[in-house]
């Protein structure tokens, strides 16, 4: 198979991890006032939506990691 047999699991691990880290970082460290903002940008990330999306990313990453470990 092109790029290995576990390519899909590696991609899901990378995307799930990025989804988790990005959403949690948006909650923990919102943009400061000195950064340039466009009209329509929010002051803070919506907490409920960010937590749900972070949880989805965490589940995807754990699932992919388990798939890679089990084989």
Protein backbone atom coordinates (compact mmCIF):
# COMPACT_ATOMS: atom_id res chain seq x y z
CA UNK A 1 0.00 0.00 0.00
CA UNK A 2 1.15 3.52 -0.73
CA UNK A 3 2.92 5.08 2.31
CA UNK A 4 2.30 2.04 4.52
CA UNK A 5 -0.65 0.03 5.70
CA UNK A 6 -1.34 2.25 8.71
CA UNK A 7 -1.60 5.52 6.82
CA UNK A 8 -5.24 6.14 7.73
CA UNK A 9 -4.60 5.54 11.44
CA UNK A 10 -1.62 7.94 11.39
CA UNK A 11 -3.71 10.61 9.65
CA UNK A 12 -6.57 10.23 12.13
CA UNK A 13 -4.08 10.45 15.00
CA UNK A 14 -2.59 13.65 13.59
CA UNK A 15 -5.92 15.31 12.85
CA UNK A 16 -7.50 14.24 16.13
CA UNK A 17 -4.52 15.48 18.10
CA UNK A 18 -4.54 18.80 16.28
CA UNK A 19 -8.27 19.18 16.82
CA UNK A 20 -7.88 18.49 20.54
CA UNK A 21 -4.87 20.73 21.11
CA UNK A 22 -6.20 23.60 18.99
CA UNK A 23 -9.58 23.76 20.70
CA UNK A 24 -8.18 23.47 24.21
CA UNK A 25 -5.58 26.14 23.42
CA UNK A 26 -8.36 28.45 22.21
CA UNK A 27 -10.08 28.10 25.58
CA UNK A 28 -6.98 28.32 27.78
CA UNK A 29 -5.24 31.14 25.96
CA UNK A 30 -7.64 33.41 24.07
CA UNK A 31 -6.23 36.12 21.78
CA UNK A 32 -4.92 39.21 23.52
CA UNK A 33 -6.12 42.72 22.71
CA UNK A 34 -2.89 43.59 20.87
CA UNK A 35 -3.46 41.07 18.08
CA UNK A 36 -5.11 42.31 14.91
CA UNK A 37 -8.78 41.38 14.68
CA UNK A 38 -11.13 41.39 11.77
CA UNK A 39 -14.71 42.47 12.07
CA UNK A 40 -16.78 39.55 13.26
CA UNK A 41 -13.99 37.92 15.29
CA UNK A 42 -15.02 36.78 18.75
CA UNK A 43 -13.40 37.94 21.98
CA UNK A 44 -13.20 34.37 23.26
CA UNK A 45 -13.85 30.97 21.74
CA UNK A 46 -17.28 29.51 22.52
CA UNK A 47 -16.48 27.25 25.46
CA UNK A 48 -19.14 24.57 24.96
CA UNK A 49 -18.41 24.13 21.25
CA UNK A 50 -14.67 24.10 21.83
CA UNK A 51 -14.97 21.49 24.58
CA UNK A 52 -17.14 19.25 22.40
CA UNK A 53 -14.79 19.55 19.43
CA UNK A 54 -11.79 18.96 21.70
CA UNK A 55 -13.46 15.83 23.05
CA UNK A 56 -14.14 14.60 19.50
CA UNK A 57 -10.46 15.15 18.65
CA UNK A 58 -9.36 13.33 21.81
CA UNK A 59 -11.58 10.34 21.05
CA UNK A 60 -10.27 10.19 17.48
CA UNK A 61 -6.65 10.40 18.62
CA UNK A 62 -7.06 7.74 21.31
CA UNK A 63 -8.90 5.46 18.90
CA UNK A 64 -6.17 5.85 16.26
CA UNK A 65 -3.43 5.28 18.84
CA UNK A 66 -5.17 2.12 20.05
CA UNK A 67 -5.50 0.92 16.45
CA UNK A 68 -1.78 1.45 15.88
CA UNK A 69 -0.78 -0.30 19.11
CA UNK A 70 -3.07 -3.31 18.71
CA UNK A 71 -2.05 -3.73 15.13
